[in-house]
Amino acid sequence: MNTSLLMNQHQMASFRANLLREVIMTRKLLTAVFFVLLTFALVPAQTYASVTQSQDEALLIQKKKKLAALKAAEERKKATLAAEAAKLKAAKLKIAKLQAEKLKKTRVAARRDCVGFMQCLFGKRRYSGSAFSSGGMSNRSMRKQVAWNETKYAPGTLIVKTPERALYYVLGDGEAMRYSIGVGREGFQWSGASKIVAKQEWPTWTPPQIMIEREAAKGHYLPAMMPGGPGNPLGARAMYIGGTIYRVHGTNAEASIGGAVSSGCIRMMNADVIDLYGRVKIGTPIYVYQ
């Protein structure tokens, strides 16, 4: 019995020793497994971070390339627009030069058809023999008495109808005196209502400063003042329109009557302006229509 008890105690001690060794071995194994798993867990995280960083760098590089390409395209577009603008400017300059040369040739040709500077400036380019006497005057008349039904105008009123190239002096009783006239050229026509504020026989011509400067730019030099007489472009009589620089006057370029050649004044045949001058009084109303 004692022997059996001793054997059991020995076996129990051996079992405990084996169990302790197994526990120690299991612990070591579990520790090794833990470190192995920990290593495998850390490596993918580092690898993912590295891959993500590489992708971000690649996207940044790609974005920079796109921005550079857009900038280059914009620069090319600007260069193309600048080249087109330069071509357009050159074309405009060429056209302006051609037009200037054409205008110059036209003016030169027109001067050849004129008889003196004043005739070129104030009259048409070709004149019949009856249009000019030695003094630039004639007794030709282009007036006639006509029916008049515009009752809103009182007798003694002047009405200028630019499109008709006509001036009417209302006589009353349904009649008016119609005078053929010359009017302002393109850019110098006007309209309005005023009165005759002054009258002058054989008027002195004092060109407005703006006309002197305009003609000087064309190479024409006007006198500051020209005494009245047959050679004066204002002709035999002048009636001055209040509030304007314009007049109703005669002309030494009778062929210009019926045309649009003046700088805004109303021209008449000298015989006609003498007739009208005798009818018109200071304060006579005048209406100019375009």
Foldseek 3Di string as FASTA:
>chain_A
DVVVVVVVVVVVVVVVVVVVVVVVVVVVVVVVVVVVVVVVVPVVVVVVVVVVVVVVVVVVVVVVVVVVVVVVVVVVVVVVVVVVVVVVVVVVVVVVVVVVVVVVVVVVVLVVQDDDDVCSQQAHRHDDPQCQDPLLADQDFAKDKDFADPPVDDQQAWEAEQVQQWIWHHHDPRMIMIFFKEFAAPPQEDWDKFFFADKDFLDKDADDPVVQVVVVVVVDHDDRIGGGDSVDQQAGMWTDTPPDPEIEGEGSHQNNGVYHRDNGYIYGRNNVVVVVSVSHDGGHMYTYDD
